[in-house]
């Protein structure tokens, strides 16, 4: 009986906290921003996989396709640099993208060793993107939590 009552109270508190957060438009906006970031992260990771596969199969790809891939890498680099928190992250990102663009010029021969290196670079690249997006999402989640805990003006005790 006590257990059932305790579970009922806990469920009521969870529902009340959810309703309180839903009432706060600032919290709703932050949650919307988090959803957008998660979608961007998923799209960026998919693009990374496609780009590395293109690099590995580049001997079967026309030059105009490689040029578009280099342009796409530049755009992706700018987006990632915009989310980077430190100068060391920015330097690492720029170096990484410069190396990738060089691989898409045709000056480097693709062999088994390069393919293995590209797969390692791909995994590290995905990890870097995930870390940057997760850091930003955690910041937003903390902001949402802080905004949800703020009592609206005029609803305090008299």
C-alpha atoms as a PDB file:
ATOM      1  CA  UNK A   1       0.000   0.000   0.000  1.00  0.00           C
ATOM      2  CA  UNK A   2       2.768   2.452   0.953  1.00  0.00           C
ATOM      3  CA  UNK A   3       4.731   1.407  -2.106  1.00  0.00           C
ATOM      4  CA  UNK A   4       1.754   2.090  -4.369  1.00  0.00           C
ATOM      5  CA  UNK A   5       1.220   5.499  -2.768  1.00  0.00           C
ATOM      6  CA  UNK A   6       4.906   6.369  -3.123  1.00  0.00           C
ATOM      7  CA  UNK A   7       4.855   5.378  -6.800  1.00  0.00           C
ATOM      8  CA  UNK A   8       1.736   7.472  -7.338  1.00  0.00           C
ATOM      9  CA  UNK A   9       3.337  10.518  -5.707  1.00  0.00           C
ATOM     10  CA  UNK A  10       6.516  10.058  -7.746  1.00  0.00           C
ATOM     11  CA  UNK A  11       4.512   9.812 -10.966  1.00  0.00           C
ATOM     12  CA  UNK A  12       2.563  12.940 -10.015  1.00  0.00           C
ATOM     13  CA  UNK A  13       5.793  14.855  -9.381  1.00  0.00           C
ATOM     14  CA  UNK A  14       7.200  13.804 -12.761  1.00  0.00           C
ATOM     15  CA  UNK A  15       4.018  14.891 -14.535  1.00  0.00           C
ATOM     16  CA  UNK A  16       3.952  18.186 -12.618  1.00  0.00           C
ATOM     17  CA  UNK A  17       7.594  18.903 -13.486  1.00  0.00           C
ATOM     18  CA  UNK A  18       6.871  18.150 -17.139  1.00  0.00           C
ATOM     19  CA  UNK A  19       3.872  20.472 -17.152  1.00  0.00           C
ATOM     20  CA  UNK A  20       5.880  23.220 -15.466  1.00  0.00           C
ATOM     21  CA  UNK A  21       8.636  22.926 -18.080  1.00  0.00           C
ATOM     22  CA  UNK A  22       6.032  22.895 -20.844  1.00  0.00           C
ATOM     23  CA  UNK A  23       4.540  26.130 -19.500  1.00  0.00           C
ATOM     24  CA  UNK A  24       7.866  27.947 -19.799  1.00  0.00           C
ATOM     25  CA  UNK A  25       8.371  29.149 -23.397  1.00  0.00           C
ATOM     26  CA  UNK A  26      12.104  29.622 -22.815  1.00  0.00           C
ATOM     27  CA  UNK A  27      12.472  25.938 -21.915  1.00  0.00           C
ATOM     28  CA  UNK A  28      10.433  24.931 -24.966  1.00  0.00           C
ATOM     29  CA  UNK A  29      12.662  27.058 -27.215  1.00  0.00           C
ATOM     30  CA  UNK A  30      15.809  25.500 -25.745  1.00  0.00           C
ATOM     31  CA  UNK A  31      14.417  21.999 -26.257  1.00  0.00           C
ATOM     32  CA  UNK A  32      13.601  22.904 -29.860  1.00  0.00           C
ATOM     33  CA  UNK A  33      17.193  24.118 -30.341  1.00  0.00           C
ATOM     34  CA  UNK A  34      18.459  20.819 -28.894  1.00  0.00           C
ATOM     35  CA  UNK A  35      16.338  18.901 -31.401  1.00  0.00           C
ATOM     36  CA  UNK A  36      17.771  20.986 -34.248  1.00  0.00           C
ATOM     37  CA  UNK A  37      21.338  20.344 -33.050  1.00  0.00           C
ATOM     38  CA  UNK A  38      20.692  16.595 -32.831  1.00  0.00           C
ATOM     39  CA  UNK A  39      19.356  16.613 -36.402  1.00  0.00           C
ATOM     40  CA  UNK A  40      22.386  18.610 -37.570  1.00  0.00           C
ATOM     41  CA  UNK A  41      24.714  16.164 -35.824  1.00  0.00           C
ATOM     42  CA  UNK A  42      23.050  13.191 -37.517  1.00  0.00           C
ATOM     43  CA  UNK A  43      23.253  14.876 -40.934  1.00  0.00           C
ATOM     44  CA  UNK A  44      26.896  15.856 -40.396  1.00  0.00           C
ATOM     45  CA  UNK A  45      27.864  12.311 -39.428  1.00  0.00           C
ATOM     46  CA  UNK A  46      26.067  10.893 -42.468  1.00  0.00           C
ATOM     47  CA  UNK A  47      27.883  13.401 -44.701  1.00  0.00           C
ATOM     48  CA  UNK A  48      31.214  12.401 -43.142  1.00  0.00           C
ATOM     49  CA  UNK A  49      30.609   8.724 -43.955  1.00  0.00           C
ATOM     50  CA  UNK A  50      29.678   9.586 -47.541  1.00  0.00           C
ATOM     51  CA  UNK A  51      32.715  11.822 -47.971  1.00  0.00           C
ATOM     52  CA  UNK A  52      35.172   9.219 -46.699  1.00  0.00           C
ATOM     53  CA  UNK A  53      33.630   6.582 -48.952  1.00  0.00           C
ATOM     54  CA  UNK A  54      34.038   9.006 -51.872  1.00  0.00           C
ATOM     55  CA  UNK A  55      37.701   9.538 -50.976  1.00  0.00           C
ATOM     56  CA  UNK A  56      38.337   5.814 -50.868  1.00  0.00           C
ATOM     57  CA  UNK A  57      36.596   5.269 -54.211  1.00  0.00           C
ATOM     58  CA  UNK A  58      37.887   8.470 -55.785  1.00  0.00           C
ATOM     59  CA  UNK A  59      39.669   6.686 -58.612  1.00  0.00           C
ATOM     60  CA  UNK A  60      36.188   5.794 -59.875  1.00  0.00           C
ATOM     61  CA  UNK A  61      34.863   9.359 -59.476  1.00  0.00           C
ATOM     62  CA  UNK A  62      35.069  12.187 -62.006  1.00  0.00           C
ATOM     63  CA  UNK A  63      37.023  15.369 -61.182  1.00  0.00           C
ATOM     64  CA  UNK A  64      33.901  17.561 -61.069  1.00  0.00           C
ATOM     65  CA  UNK A  65      32.479  15.287 -58.365  1.00  0.00           C
ATOM     66  CA  UNK A  66      35.745  15.547 -56.417  1.00  0.00           C
ATOM     67  CA  UNK A  67      35.590  19.352 -56.744  1.00  0.00           C
ATOM     68  CA  UNK A  68      32.070  19.336 -55.274  1.00  0.00           C
ATOM     69  CA  UNK A  69      33.299  17.124 -52.442  1.00  0.00           C
ATOM     70  CA  UNK A  70      36.119  19.581 -51.702  1.00  0.00           C
ATOM     71  CA  UNK A  71      33.543  22.398 -51.605  1.00  0.00           C
ATOM     72  CA  UNK A  72      31.330  20.337 -49.301  1.00  0.00           C
ATOM     73  CA  UNK A  73      34.315  19.733 -47.006  1.00  0.00           C
ATOM     74  CA  UNK A  74      34.937  23.477 -46.819  1.00  0.00           C
ATOM     75  CA  UNK A  75      31.306  24.142 -45.866  1.00  0.00           C
ATOM     76  CA  UNK A  76      31.385  21.352 -43.300  1.00  0.00           C
ATOM     77  CA  UNK A  77      34.630  22.729 -41.882  1.00  0.00           C
ATOM     78  CA  UNK A  78      33.087  26.193 -41.436  1.00  0.00           C
ATOM     79  CA  UNK A  79      30.074  24.732 -39.625  1.00  0.00           C
ATOM     80  CA  UNK A  80      32.264  22.678 -37.313  1.00  0.00           C
ATOM     81  CA  UNK A  81      34.565  25.634 -36.640  1.00  0.00           C
ATOM     82  CA  UNK A  82      31.521  27.683 -35.629  1.00  0.00           C
ATOM     83  CA  UNK A  83      30.753  25.151 -32.878  1.00  0.00           C
ATOM     84  CA  UNK A  84      34.353  24.642 -31.714  1.00  0.00           C
ATOM     85  CA  UNK A  85      34.915  25.924 -28.191  1.00  0.00           C
ATOM     86  CA  UNK A  86      38.688  26.358 -28.077  1.00  0.00           C
ATOM     87  CA  UNK A  87      41.472  27.530 -30.363  1.00  0.00           C
ATOM     88  CA  UNK A  88      43.148  24.099 -30.192  1.00  0.00           C
ATOM     89  CA  UNK A  89      39.923  22.501 -31.484  1.00  0.00           C
ATOM     90  CA  UNK A  90      39.836  25.025 -34.327  1.00  0.00           C
ATOM     91  CA  UNK A  91      43.450  24.288 -35.287  1.00  0.00           C
ATOM     92  CA  UNK A  92      42.838  20.520 -35.211  1.00  0.00           C
ATOM     93  CA  UNK A  93      39.691  20.871 -37.315  1.00  0.00           C
ATOM     94  CA  UNK A  94      41.443  23.057 -39.920  1.00  0.00           C
ATOM     95  CA  UNK A  95      44.409  20.669 -40.174  1.00  0.00           C
ATOM     96  CA  UNK A  96      42.091  17.700 -40.552  1.00  0.00           C
ATOM     97  CA  UNK A  97      40.050  19.298 -43.333  1.00  0.00           C
ATOM     98  CA  UNK A  98      43.168  20.506 -45.169  1.00  0.00           C
ATOM     99  CA  UNK A  99      44.454  16.934 -45.233  1.00  0.00           C
ATOM    100  CA  UNK A 100      41.104  15.640 -46.479  1.00  0.00           C
ATOM    101  CA  UNK A 101      40.969  18.206 -49.280  1.00  0.00           C
ATOM    102  CA  UNK A 102      44.504  17.208 -50.316  1.00  0.00           C
ATOM    103  CA  UNK A 103      43.378  13.590 -50.603  1.00  0.00           C
ATOM    104  CA  UNK A 104      40.650  14.629 -53.015  1.00  0.00           C
ATOM    105  CA  UNK A 105      43.081  16.212 -55.483  1.00  0.00           C
ATOM    106  CA  UNK A 106      44.311  12.973 -57.015  1.00  0.00           C
ATOM    107  CA  UNK A 107      47.928  13.655 -56.049  1.00  0.00           C
ATOM    108  CA  UNK A 108      47.909  10.826 -53.497  1.00  0.00           C
ATOM    109  CA  UNK A 109      47.527   7.199 -54.611  1.00  0.00           C
ATOM    110  CA  UNK A 110      44.843   5.211 -52.772  1.00  0.00           C
ATOM    111  CA  UNK A 111      46.176   1.894 -51.467  1.00  0.00           C
ATOM    112  CA  UNK A 112      45.270  -0.449 -48.594  1.00  0.00           C
ATOM    113  CA  UNK A 113      47.360   1.514 -46.101  1.00  0.00           C
ATOM    114  CA  UNK A 114      45.687   4.793 -47.062  1.00  0.00           C
ATOM    115  CA  UNK A 115      42.246   3.187 -46.870  1.00  0.00           C
ATOM    116  CA  UNK A 116      43.003   1.930 -43.337  1.00  0.00           C
ATOM    117  CA  UNK A 117      44.264   5.401 -42.405  1.00  0.00           C
ATOM    118  CA  UNK A 118      41.141   6.999 -43.878  1.00  0.00           C
ATOM    119  CA  UNK A 119      38.897   4.672 -41.861  1.00  0.00           C
ATOM    120  CA  UNK A 120      40.752   5.655 -38.665  1.00  0.00           C
ATOM    121  CA  UNK A 121      40.458   9.319 -39.635  1.00  0.00           C
ATOM    122  CA  UNK A 122      36.752   8.823 -40.313  1.00  0.00           C
ATOM    123  CA  UNK A 123      36.190   7.336 -36.857  1.00  0.00           C
ATOM    124  CA  UNK A 124      38.161  10.158 -35.231  1.00  0.00           C
ATOM    125  CA  UNK A 125      36.270  12.739 -37.286  1.00  0.00           C
ATOM    126  CA  UNK A 126      32.892  11.305 -36.273  1.00  0.00           C
ATOM    127  CA  UNK A 127      34.037  11.247 -32.637  1.00  0.00           C
ATOM    128  CA  UNK A 128      35.126  14.898 -32.876  1.00  0.00           C
ATOM    129  CA  UNK A 129      31.800  15.969 -34.375  1.00  0.00           C
ATOM    130  CA  UNK A 130      29.872  14.028 -31.725  1.00  0.00           C
ATOM    131  CA  UNK A 131      31.936  15.577 -28.932  1.00  0.00           C
ATOM    132  CA  UNK A 132      31.366  19.111 -30.182  1.00  0.00           C
ATOM    133  CA  UNK A 133      27.628  18.628 -30.656  1.00  0.00           C
ATOM    134  CA  UNK A 134      27.227  16.790 -27.335  1.00  0.00           C
ATOM    135  CA  UNK A 135      29.057  19.587 -25.522  1.00  0.00           C
ATOM    136  CA  UNK A 136      26.697  22.178 -27.011  1.00  0.00           C
ATOM    137  CA  UNK A 137      23.649  20.015 -26.238  1.00  0.00           C
ATOM    138  CA  UNK A 138      24.749  19.595 -22.597  1.00  0.00           C
ATOM    139  CA  UNK A 139      25.108  23.369 -22.301  1.00  0.00           C
ATOM    140  CA  UNK A 140      21.591  23.824 -23.656  1.00  0.00           C
ATOM    141  CA  UNK A 141      20.196  21.113 -21.372  1.00  0.00           C
ATOM    142  CA  UNK A 142      21.750  22.881 -18.384  1.00  0.00           C
ATOM    143  CA  UNK A 143      20.214  26.156 -19.560  1.00  0.00           C
ATOM    144  CA  UNK A 144      16.815  24.470 -19.937  1.00  0.00           C
ATOM    145  CA  UNK A 145      17.095  23.004 -16.450  1.00  0.00           C
ATOM    146  CA  UNK A 146      18.004  26.416 -15.040  1.00  0.00           C
ATOM    147  CA  UNK A 147      15.127  28.080 -16.910  1.00  0.00           C
ATOM    148  CA  UNK A 148      12.682  25.427 -15.712  1.00  0.00           C
ATOM    149  CA  UNK A 149      13.676  25.936 -12.089  1.00  0.00           C
ATOM    150  CA  UNK A 150      13.050  29.703 -12.208  1.00  0.00           C
ATOM    151  CA  UNK A 151       9.648  30.603 -10.770  1.00  0.00           C
ATOM    152  CA  UNK A 152       7.568  32.916 -12.952  1.00  0.00           C
ATOM    153  CA  UNK A 153       7.040  36.422 -11.541  1.00  0.00           C
ATOM    154  CA  UNK A 154       3.832  36.912  -9.619  1.00  0.00           C
ATOM    155  CA  UNK A 155       3.261  33.259  -8.712  1.00  0.00           C
ATOM    156  CA  UNK A 156       5.120  33.256  -5.395  1.00  0.00           C
ATOM    157  CA  UNK A 157       3.614  33.065  -1.883  1.00  0.00           C
ATOM    158  CA  UNK A 158       1.848  36.106  -0.450  1.00  0.00           C
END
